Amino acid sequence: MRVEIWFDFNQESLEVINNLNNAFERFKHSKDVDILFRSLPQKEEHFKYHEIFQYGRKKGLKHSYLCTVFDLFKSKTDLTTGLESRLSPYHVDIKDLQTNLKDHKSLRIVKNQLEHAALQKIDTAPTLTFTHGFRLVGVSSISDIEQTLIKMYEKDSGIKYCIEEDCER
């Protein structure tokens, strides 16, 4: 099973990313679900931050790294100094990242994801897409996300979701 979060660097996306994380922690079958973060920049000035995230994603960094990039975005600090101070806990090679940004290597990933979003008719950040065609657009509560995870699980497994020990199968 898979959940994709199509995000931009805005407050609504950050709220949904955190709500997804909370719902995922409560979902009994979370180990069977892959979460993918997809770039959907809505403003030109956001592209650079998406490139920074996609660089880290290629290095295996996920939710906490994304939240740090959000902090970097919100701080409006100079990227030259901000990258080193904010990303050092992740052991990111800052010189390699700067070269990546200068050469726009991660921009290709961002633009590819924009094309995929257009093909799937996704134009709102945030949007959550789930296996079997389930979709939540805009700000979604922890409860809404959890209920959609359950629907996805039930459709995928063919059995009713149950969190009790003596569930009927």
N, C-alpha and C. Protein backbone atom coordinates (compact mmCIF):
# COMPACT_ATOMS: atom_id res chain seq x y z
N MET A 1 0.85 -1.17 0.00
CA MET A 1 0.00 0.00 0.00
C MET A 1 0.89 1.24 0.00
N ARG A 2 0.34 2.31 -0.53
CA ARG A 2 1.13 3.52 -0.67
C ARG A 2 0.28 4.76 -0.41
N VAL A 3 0.93 5.74 0.23
CA VAL A 3 0.34 7.07 0.41
C VAL A 3 1.34 8.06 -0.16
N GLU A 4 0.84 8.96 -0.99
CA GLU A 4 1.67 10.03 -1.52
C GLU A 4 1.13 11.35 -1.01
N ILE A 5 2.03 12.17 -0.46
CA ILE A 5 1.65 13.51 -0.05
C ILE A 5 2.25 14.49 -1.04
N TRP A 6 1.37 15.18 -1.73
CA TRP A 6 1.77 16.22 -2.68
C TRP A 6 1.77 17.52 -1.90
N PHE A 7 2.95 18.13 -1.73
CA PHE A 7 3.07 19.27 -0.82
C PHE A 7 3.78 20.44 -1.48
N ASP A 8 3.56 21.59 -0.87
CA ASP A 8 4.35 22.78 -1.16
C ASP A 8 4.83 23.31 0.17
N PHE A 9 5.64 24.33 0.13
CA PHE A 9 6.10 24.93 1.38
C PHE A 9 5.10 25.99 1.80
N ASN A 10 4.01 25.50 2.41
CA ASN A 10 2.97 26.36 2.96
C ASN A 10 2.49 25.73 4.27
N GLN A 11 1.79 26.51 5.07
CA GLN A 11 1.34 26.05 6.39
C GLN A 11 0.39 24.86 6.28
N GLU A 12 -0.47 24.87 5.28
CA GLU A 12 -1.43 23.78 5.11
C GLU A 12 -0.72 22.45 4.85
N SER A 13 0.30 22.47 4.02
CA SER A 13 1.05 21.24 3.74
C SER A 13 1.75 20.73 4.98
N LEU A 14 2.37 21.64 5.74
CA LEU A 14 3.06 21.22 6.96
C LEU A 14 2.08 20.60 7.95
N GLU A 15 0.89 21.19 8.05
CA GLU A 15 -0.13 20.65 8.96
C GLU A 15 -0.54 19.24 8.53
N VAL A 16 -0.75 19.04 7.25
CA VAL A 16 -1.16 17.71 6.75
C VAL A 16 -0.02 16.70 6.90
N ILE A 17 1.21 17.13 6.67
CA ILE A 17 2.35 16.22 6.85
C ILE A 17 2.42 15.75 8.30
N ASN A 18 2.23 16.66 9.24
CA ASN A 18 2.25 16.28 10.66
C ASN A 18 1.03 15.43 11.02
N ASN A 19 -0.13 15.76 10.46
CA ASN A 19 -1.33 14.95 10.72
C ASN A 19 -1.17 13.55 10.15
N LEU A 20 -0.57 13.45 8.97
CA LEU A 20 -0.31 12.14 8.37
C LEU A 20 0.63 11.34 9.26
N ASN A 21 1.66 11.97 9.76
CA ASN A 21 2.60 11.29 10.64
C ASN A 21 1.89 10.77 11.89
N ASN A 22 1.03 11.59 12.48
CA ASN A 22 0.28 11.18 13.68
C ASN A 22 -0.70 10.04 13.37
N ALA A 23 -1.41 10.14 12.26
CA ALA A 23 -2.35 9.08 11.88
C ALA A 23 -1.59 7.78 11.59
N PHE A 24 -0.45 7.91 10.96
CA PHE A 24 0.36 6.75 10.60
C PHE A 24 0.85 6.03 11.85
N GLU A 25 1.20 6.78 12.88
CA GLU A 25 1.65 6.18 14.14
C GLU A 25 0.52 5.39 14.81
N ARG A 26 -0.72 5.79 14.61
CA ARG A 26 -1.87 5.13 15.22
C ARG A 26 -2.38 3.95 14.39
N PHE A 27 -1.98 3.89 13.12
CA PHE A 27 -2.48 2.88 12.20
C PHE A 27 -1.74 1.56 12.42
N LYS A 28 -2.49 0.51 12.73
CA LYS A 28 -1.92 -0.79 13.12
C LYS A 28 -1.05 -1.41 12.02
N HIS A 29 -1.34 -1.16 10.78
CA HIS A 29 -0.62 -1.80 9.67
C HIS A 29 0.33 -0.83 8.96
N SER A 30 0.86 0.12 9.70
CA SER A 30 1.72 1.15 9.09
C SER A 30 2.97 0.55 8.44
N LYS A 31 3.44 -0.57 8.96
CA LYS A 31 4.65 -1.19 8.38
C LYS A 31 4.41 -1.69 6.95
N ASP A 32 3.14 -1.82 6.57
CA ASP A 32 2.80 -2.29 5.22
C ASP A 32 2.55 -1.14 4.24
N VAL A 33 2.80 0.08 4.68
CA VAL A 33 2.49 1.25 3.85
C VAL A 33 3.76 2.07 3.60
N ASP A 34 3.97 2.42 2.36
CA ASP A 34 5.06 3.33 1.99
C ASP A 34 4.49 4.73 1.90
N ILE A 35 5.22 5.70 2.46
CA ILE A 35 4.83 7.10 2.33
C ILE A 35 5.85 7.78 1.43
N LEU A 36 5.33 8.44 0.39
CA LEU A 36 6.19 9.15 -0.55
C LEU A 36 5.84 10.63 -0.52
N PHE A 37 6.85 11.46 -0.44
CA PHE A 37 6.66 12.91 -0.44
C PHE A 37 6.90 13.41 -1.85
N ARG A 38 5.89 14.08 -2.42
CA ARG A 38 5.94 14.56 -3.80
C ARG A 38 5.90 16.08 -3.84
N SER A 39 6.80 16.65 -4.59
CA SER A 39 6.87 18.11 -4.71
C SER A 39 5.76 18.64 -5.61
N LEU A 40 5.09 19.67 -5.13
CA LEU A 40 4.06 20.36 -5.92
C LEU A 40 4.17 21.86 -5.64
N PRO A 41 5.29 22.47 -6.10
CA PRO A 41 5.47 23.90 -5.82
C PRO A 41 4.39 24.74 -6.49
N GLN A 42 3.83 25.66 -5.72
CA GLN A 42 2.78 26.54 -6.20
C GLN A 42 3.32 27.93 -6.55
N LYS A 43 4.54 28.22 -6.10
CA LYS A 43 5.16 29.52 -6.36
C LYS A 43 6.60 29.29 -6.81
N GLU A 44 7.05 30.16 -7.68
CA GLU A 44 8.41 30.05 -8.24
C GLU A 44 9.48 30.04 -7.15
N GLU A 45 9.30 30.88 -6.13
CA GLU A 45 10.32 30.98 -5.08
C GLU A 45 10.40 29.75 -4.19
N HIS A 46 9.47 28.81 -4.34
CA HIS A 46 9.49 27.58 -3.55
C HIS A 46 10.31 26.47 -4.19
N PHE A 47 10.62 26.61 -5.46
CA PHE A 47 11.33 25.55 -6.17
C PHE A 47 12.65 25.18 -5.50
N LYS A 48 13.42 26.17 -5.05
CA LYS A 48 14.73 25.92 -4.45
C LYS A 48 14.58 25.02 -3.22
N TYR A 49 13.54 25.21 -2.43
CA TYR A 49 13.34 24.40 -1.22
C TYR A 49 12.91 22.98 -1.59
N HIS A 50 12.16 22.86 -2.66
CA HIS A 50 11.82 21.52 -3.14
C HIS A 50 13.08 20.80 -3.63
N GLU A 51 13.97 21.54 -4.27
CA GLU A 51 15.23 20.94 -4.71
C GLU A 51 16.04 20.46 -3.51
N ILE A 52 16.08 21.26 -2.46
CA ILE A 52 16.81 20.87 -1.24
C ILE A 52 16.19 19.60 -0.65
N PHE A 53 14.85 19.55 -0.59
CA PHE A 53 14.22 18.35 -0.06
C PHE A 53 14.51 17.14 -0.94
N GLN A 54 14.35 17.28 -2.24
CA GLN A 54 14.55 16.13 -3.14
C GLN A 54 15.99 15.63 -3.10
N TYR A 55 16.94 16.52 -2.90
CA TYR A 55 18.33 16.11 -2.73
C TYR A 55 18.44 15.18 -1.51
N GLY A 56 17.88 15.60 -0.39
CA GLY A 56 17.92 14.78 0.82
C GLY A 56 17.13 13.49 0.69
N ARG A 57 16.00 13.57 0.00
CA ARG A 57 15.18 12.36 -0.20
C ARG A 57 15.97 11.30 -0.94
N LYS A 58 16.75 11.73 -1.93
CA LYS A 58 17.59 10.78 -2.68
C LYS A 58 18.65 10.15 -1.77
N LYS A 59 18.96 10.80 -0.65
CA LYS A 59 19.93 10.28 0.31
C LYS A 59 19.24 9.47 1.41
N GLY A 60 17.92 9.26 1.26
CA GLY A 60 17.19 8.45 2.23
C GLY A 60 16.58 9.23 3.39
N LEU A 61 16.63 10.54 3.33
CA LEU A 61 16.07 11.37 4.41
C LEU A 61 14.59 11.60 4.15
N LYS A 62 13.80 11.58 5.23
CA LYS A 62 12.34 11.64 5.05
C LYS A 62 11.71 12.73 5.89
N HIS A 63 10.75 12.34 6.73
CA HIS A 63 9.87 13.27 7.44
C HIS A 63 10.61 14.34 8.24
N SER A 64 11.53 13.96 9.12
CA SER A 64 12.17 14.96 9.97
C SER A 64 13.02 15.92 9.13
N TYR A 65 13.65 15.40 8.08
CA TYR A 65 14.43 16.26 7.18
C TYR A 65 13.51 17.26 6.48
N LEU A 66 12.36 16.77 6.02
CA LEU A 66 11.40 17.65 5.37
C LEU A 66 10.95 18.75 6.33
N CYS A 67 10.69 18.41 7.57
CA CYS A 67 10.29 19.42 8.56
C CYS A 67 11.41 20.45 8.78
N THR A 68 12.65 20.00 8.73
CA THR A 68 13.78 20.92 8.86
C THR A 68 13.86 21.85 7.66
N VAL A 69 13.60 21.33 6.47
CA VAL A 69 13.59 22.18 5.28
C VAL A 69 12.44 23.19 5.39
N PHE A 70 11.31 22.78 5.96
CA PHE A 70 10.21 23.72 6.22
C PHE A 70 10.68 24.82 7.16
N ASP A 71 11.41 24.45 8.22
CA ASP A 71 11.94 25.46 9.15
C ASP A 71 12.88 26.43 8.44
N LEU A 72 13.72 25.88 7.57
CA LEU A 72 14.64 26.71 6.79
C LEU A 72 13.85 27.68 5.92
N PHE A 73 12.79 27.18 5.28
CA PHE A 73 11.94 28.02 4.44
C PHE A 73 11.28 29.13 5.27
N LYS A 74 10.72 28.77 6.41
CA LYS A 74 10.00 29.75 7.23
C LYS A 74 10.94 30.80 7.82
N SER A 75 12.19 30.40 8.07
CA SER A 75 13.13 31.33 8.70
C SER A 75 13.59 32.45 7.77
N LYS A 76 13.46 32.22 6.46
CA LYS A 76 13.86 33.21 5.46
C LYS A 76 15.34 33.61 5.60
N THR A 77 16.14 32.73 6.17
CA THR A 77 17.57 33.02 6.30
C THR A 77 18.28 32.79 4.98
N ASP A 78 19.45 33.36 4.87
CA ASP A 78 20.27 33.17 3.69
C ASP A 78 20.58 31.69 3.54
N LEU A 79 20.37 31.16 2.35
CA LEU A 79 20.57 29.72 2.14
C LEU A 79 22.01 29.29 2.37
N THR A 80 22.96 30.15 2.07
CA THR A 80 24.36 29.78 2.25
C THR A 80 24.65 29.43 3.70
N THR A 81 24.21 30.26 4.63
CA THR A 81 24.45 29.99 6.05
C THR A 81 23.39 29.04 6.62
N GLY A 82 22.17 29.17 6.14
CA GLY A 82 21.08 28.35 6.67
C GLY A 82 21.25 26.87 6.39
N LEU A 83 21.77 26.53 5.22
CA LEU A 83 21.95 25.12 4.87
C LEU A 83 22.86 24.43 5.87
N GLU A 84 23.99 25.04 6.14
CA GLU A 84 24.96 24.40 7.03
C GLU A 84 24.43 24.28 8.45
N SER A 85 23.85 25.34 8.97
CA SER A 85 23.40 25.31 10.36
C SER A 85 22.19 24.39 10.56
N ARG A 86 21.28 24.36 9.62
CA ARG A 86 20.05 23.56 9.79
C ARG A 86 20.22 22.10 9.39
N LEU A 87 21.05 21.84 8.38
CA LEU A 87 21.12 20.48 7.83
C LEU A 87 22.28 19.65 8.36
N SER A 88 23.16 20.26 9.16
CA SER A 88 24.31 19.51 9.67
C SER A 88 23.92 18.26 10.48
N PRO A 89 22.82 18.26 11.23
CA PRO A 89 22.46 17.03 11.96
C PRO A 89 22.18 15.83 11.04
N TYR A 90 21.92 16.10 9.77
CA TYR A 90 21.60 15.03 8.82
C TYR A 90 22.84 14.55 8.05
N HIS A 91 23.99 15.13 8.37
CA HIS A 91 25.25 14.75 7.72
C HIS A 91 25.18 14.93 6.21
N VAL A 92 24.50 15.99 5.80
CA VAL A 92 24.39 16.32 4.38
C VAL A 92 25.70 16.98 3.96
N ASP A 93 26.23 16.55 2.84
CA ASP A 93 27.43 17.18 2.28
C ASP A 93 26.99 18.52 1.67
N ILE A 94 27.23 19.59 2.41
CA ILE A 94 26.73 20.91 2.03
C ILE A 94 27.31 21.36 0.68
N LYS A 95 28.59 21.11 0.46
CA LYS A 95 29.19 21.50 -0.83
C LYS A 95 28.54 20.75 -1.99
N ASP A 96 28.27 19.47 -1.79
CA ASP A 96 27.59 18.68 -2.82
C ASP A 96 26.17 19.21 -3.05
N LEU A 97 25.48 19.54 -1.97
CA LEU A 97 24.13 20.10 -2.09
C LEU A 97 24.18 21.43 -2.84
N GLN A 98 25.12 22.28 -2.51
CA GLN A 98 25.23 23.57 -3.19
C GLN A 98 25.51 23.39 -4.68
N THR A 99 26.37 22.42 -5.01
CA THR A 99 26.64 22.13 -6.42
C THR A 99 25.37 21.61 -7.10
N ASN A 100 24.65 20.76 -6.38
CA ASN A 100 23.40 20.22 -6.90
C ASN A 100 22.41 21.35 -7.19
N LEU A 101 22.32 22.31 -6.29
CA LEU A 101 21.42 23.45 -6.48
C LEU A 101 21.88 24.32 -7.64
N LYS A 102 23.18 24.56 -7.72
CA LYS A 102 23.74 25.39 -8.81
C LYS A 102 23.48 24.76 -10.17
N ASP A 103 23.63 23.44 -10.24
CA ASP A 103 23.45 22.71 -11.50
C ASP A 103 22.01 22.27 -11.74
N HIS A 104 21.12 22.55 -10.78
CA HIS A 104 19.70 22.22 -10.87
C HIS A 104 19.45 20.72 -11.09
N LYS A 105 20.28 19.87 -10.48
CA LYS A 105 20.11 18.42 -10.66
C LYS A 105 18.80 17.94 -10.05
N SER A 106 18.45 18.44 -8.89
CA SER A 106 17.20 18.01 -8.24
C SER A 106 15.98 18.69 -8.85
N LEU A 107 16.20 19.77 -9.57
CA LEU A 107 15.08 20.45 -10.22
C LEU A 107 14.41 19.53 -11.23
N ARG A 108 15.17 18.65 -11.83
CA ARG A 108 14.59 17.68 -12.78
C ARG A 108 13.56 16.79 -12.07
N ILE A 109 13.87 16.40 -10.85
CA ILE A 109 12.95 15.57 -10.08
C ILE A 109 11.68 16.35 -9.79
N VAL A 110 11.83 17.60 -9.36
CA VAL A 110 10.68 18.45 -9.04
C VAL A 110 9.79 18.63 -10.26
N LYS A 111 10.39 18.92 -11.40
CA LYS A 111 9.61 19.12 -12.63
C LYS A 111 8.93 17.81 -13.07
N ASN A 112 9.61 16.70 -12.89
CA ASN A 112 9.02 15.40 -13.20
C ASN A 112 7.79 15.15 -12.33
N GLN A 113 7.90 15.50 -11.05
CA GLN A 113 6.76 15.31 -10.16
C GLN A 113 5.61 16.26 -10.50
N LEU A 114 5.93 17.45 -10.96
CA LEU A 114 4.88 18.36 -11.43
C LEU A 114 4.14 17.77 -12.63
N GLU A 115 4.86 17.15 -13.53
CA GLU A 115 4.22 16.50 -14.68
C GLU A 115 3.31 15.37 -14.23
N HIS A 116 3.77 14.57 -13.27
CA HIS A 116 2.94 13.47 -12.75
C HIS A 116 1.69 14.01 -12.06
N ALA A 117 1.85 15.12 -11.33
CA ALA A 117 0.69 15.73 -10.68
C ALA A 117 -0.33 16.18 -11.72
N ALA A 118 0.14 16.78 -12.79
CA ALA A 118 -0.77 17.24 -13.85
C ALA A 118 -1.49 16.06 -14.48
N LEU A 119 -0.78 14.97 -14.71
CA LEU A 119 -1.41 13.77 -15.30
C LEU A 119 -2.49 13.20 -14.38
N GLN A 120 -2.28 13.32 -13.07
CA GLN A 120 -3.26 12.82 -12.11
C GLN A 120 -4.28 13.88 -11.70
N LYS A 121 -4.21 15.05 -12.36
CA LYS A 121 -5.11 16.16 -12.09
C LYS A 121 -5.03 16.62 -10.63
N ILE A 122 -3.81 16.70 -10.13
CA ILE A 122 -3.55 17.20 -8.78
C ILE A 122 -2.99 18.60 -8.93
N ASP A 123 -3.71 19.59 -8.37
CA ASP A 123 -3.24 20.96 -8.48
C ASP A 123 -3.28 21.70 -7.15
N THR A 124 -3.63 21.00 -6.09
CA THR A 124 -3.72 21.62 -4.77
C THR A 124 -2.69 21.00 -3.84
N ALA A 125 -1.93 21.86 -3.18
CA ALA A 125 -0.99 21.40 -2.16
C ALA A 125 -1.51 21.89 -0.81
N PRO A 126 -1.82 20.97 0.05
CA PRO A 126 -1.51 19.54 0.04
C PRO A 126 -2.64 18.69 -0.56
N THR A 127 -2.24 17.58 -1.12
CA THR A 127 -3.16 16.52 -1.54
C THR A 127 -2.55 15.19 -1.12
N LEU A 128 -3.36 14.34 -0.54
CA LEU A 128 -2.94 12.97 -0.19
C LEU A 128 -3.60 12.02 -1.17
N THR A 129 -2.80 11.15 -1.79
CA THR A 129 -3.36 10.11 -2.63
C THR A 129 -2.99 8.76 -2.01
N PHE A 130 -3.93 7.85 -2.08
CA PHE A 130 -3.79 6.54 -1.46
C PHE A 130 -3.97 5.46 -2.52
N THR A 131 -3.40 4.30 -2.26
CA THR A 131 -3.63 3.14 -3.12
C THR A 131 -5.15 2.95 -3.26
N HIS A 132 -5.58 2.47 -4.41
CA HIS A 132 -6.98 2.20 -4.74
C HIS A 132 -7.77 3.47 -5.01
N GLY A 133 -7.08 4.58 -5.29
CA GLY A 133 -7.75 5.79 -5.75
C GLY A 133 -8.32 6.71 -4.69
N PHE A 134 -8.10 6.42 -3.44
CA PHE A 134 -8.59 7.33 -2.40
C PHE A 134 -7.76 8.60 -2.42
N ARG A 135 -8.42 9.73 -2.12
CA ARG A 135 -7.74 11.02 -2.20
C ARG A 135 -8.33 11.99 -1.19
N LEU A 136 -7.46 12.76 -0.54
CA LEU A 136 -7.87 13.85 0.35
C LEU A 136 -7.20 15.12 -0.16
N VAL A 137 -7.98 16.16 -0.40
CA VAL A 137 -7.46 17.41 -0.96
C VAL A 137 -7.59 18.51 0.09
N GLY A 138 -6.52 19.27 0.26
CA GLY A 138 -6.52 20.36 1.22
C GLY A 138 -6.15 19.87 2.60
N VAL A 139 -6.44 20.69 3.60
CA VAL A 139 -6.10 20.33 4.97
C VAL A 139 -6.99 19.17 5.41
N SER A 140 -6.35 18.10 5.90
CA SER A 140 -7.06 16.90 6.36
C SER A 140 -6.69 16.63 7.80
N SER A 141 -7.70 16.29 8.59
CA SER A 141 -7.47 16.03 10.00
C SER A 141 -6.82 14.66 10.19
N ILE A 142 -6.29 14.43 11.38
CA ILE A 142 -5.73 13.12 11.72
C ILE A 142 -6.80 12.05 11.54
N SER A 143 -8.00 12.33 12.00
CA SER A 143 -9.10 11.38 11.89
C SER A 143 -9.44 11.05 10.44
N ASP A 144 -9.53 12.08 9.60
CA ASP A 144 -9.83 11.85 8.17
C ASP A 144 -8.76 10.98 7.52
N ILE A 145 -7.51 11.27 7.84
CA ILE A 145 -6.40 10.50 7.27
C ILE A 145 -6.45 9.06 7.78
N GLU A 146 -6.68 8.90 9.07
CA GLU A 146 -6.75 7.55 9.65
C GLU A 146 -7.89 6.74 9.02
N GLN A 147 -9.05 7.36 8.85
CA GLN A 147 -10.18 6.66 8.23
C GLN A 147 -9.87 6.26 6.79
N THR A 148 -9.15 7.10 6.07
CA THR A 148 -8.79 6.78 4.69
C THR A 148 -7.73 5.67 4.66
N LEU A 149 -6.81 5.67 5.60
CA LEU A 149 -5.85 4.56 5.72
C LEU A 149 -6.59 3.24 5.94
N ILE A 150 -7.62 3.28 6.78
CA ILE A 150 -8.40 2.07 7.06
C ILE A 150 -9.13 1.60 5.80
N LYS A 151 -9.75 2.54 5.07
CA LYS A 151 -10.43 2.18 3.82
C LYS A 151 -9.46 1.54 2.84
N MET A 152 -8.27 2.13 2.74
CA MET A 152 -7.25 1.60 1.83
C MET A 152 -6.86 0.19 2.26
N TYR A 153 -6.65 -0.01 3.55
CA TYR A 153 -6.28 -1.32 4.07
C TYR A 153 -7.37 -2.35 3.77
N GLU A 154 -8.62 -1.99 4.06
CA GLU A 154 -9.73 -2.93 3.83
C GLU A 154 -9.87 -3.29 2.36
N LYS A 155 -9.71 -2.33 1.49
CA LYS A 155 -9.78 -2.59 0.05
C LYS A 155 -8.61 -3.48 -0.39
N ASP A 156 -7.44 -3.21 0.14
CA ASP A 156 -6.24 -3.94 -0.25
C ASP A 156 -6.25 -5.38 0.27
N SER A 157 -6.70 -5.55 1.52
CA SER A 157 -6.63 -6.87 2.15
C SER A 157 -7.90 -7.70 1.95
N GLY A 158 -9.01 -7.02 1.68
CA GLY A 158 -10.28 -7.73 1.55
C GLY A 158 -10.89 -8.12 2.89
N ILE A 159 -10.32 -7.60 3.98
CA ILE A 159 -10.88 -7.89 5.31
C ILE A 159 -11.10 -6.59 6.07
N LYS A 160 -12.01 -6.66 7.04
CA LYS A 160 -12.34 -5.50 7.84
C LYS A 160 -11.19 -5.18 8.81
N TYR A 161 -10.90 -3.90 8.94
CA TYR A 161 -9.84 -3.43 9.84
C TYR A 161 -10.28 -3.66 11.28
N CYS A 162 -9.40 -4.19 12.07
CA CYS A 162 -9.72 -4.47 13.47
C CYS A 162 -8.47 -4.27 14.30
N ILE A 163 -8.63 -3.60 15.44
CA ILE A 163 -7.47 -3.36 16.30
C ILE A 163 -7.52 -4.20 17.58
N GLU A 164 -8.55 -5.00 17.74
CA GLU A 164 -8.68 -5.85 18.92
C GLU A 164 -7.89 -7.14 18.71
N GLU A 165 -7.60 -7.83 19.80
CA GLU A 165 -6.85 -9.08 19.73
C GLU A 165 -7.68 -10.24 19.18
N ASP A 166 -8.99 -10.23 19.43
CA ASP A 166 -9.83 -11.37 19.04
C ASP A 166 -10.71 -11.05 17.84
N CYS A 167 -10.14 -10.40 16.86
CA CYS A 167 -10.90 -10.03 15.66
C CYS A 167 -11.27 -11.29 14.87
N GLU A 168 -12.47 -11.26 14.31
CA GLU A 168 -12.89 -12.36 13.43
C GLU A 168 -12.26 -12.16 12.06
N ARG A 169 -11.78 -13.25 11.48
CA ARG A 169 -11.17 -13.18 10.14
C ARG A 169 -11.93 -14.06 9.20
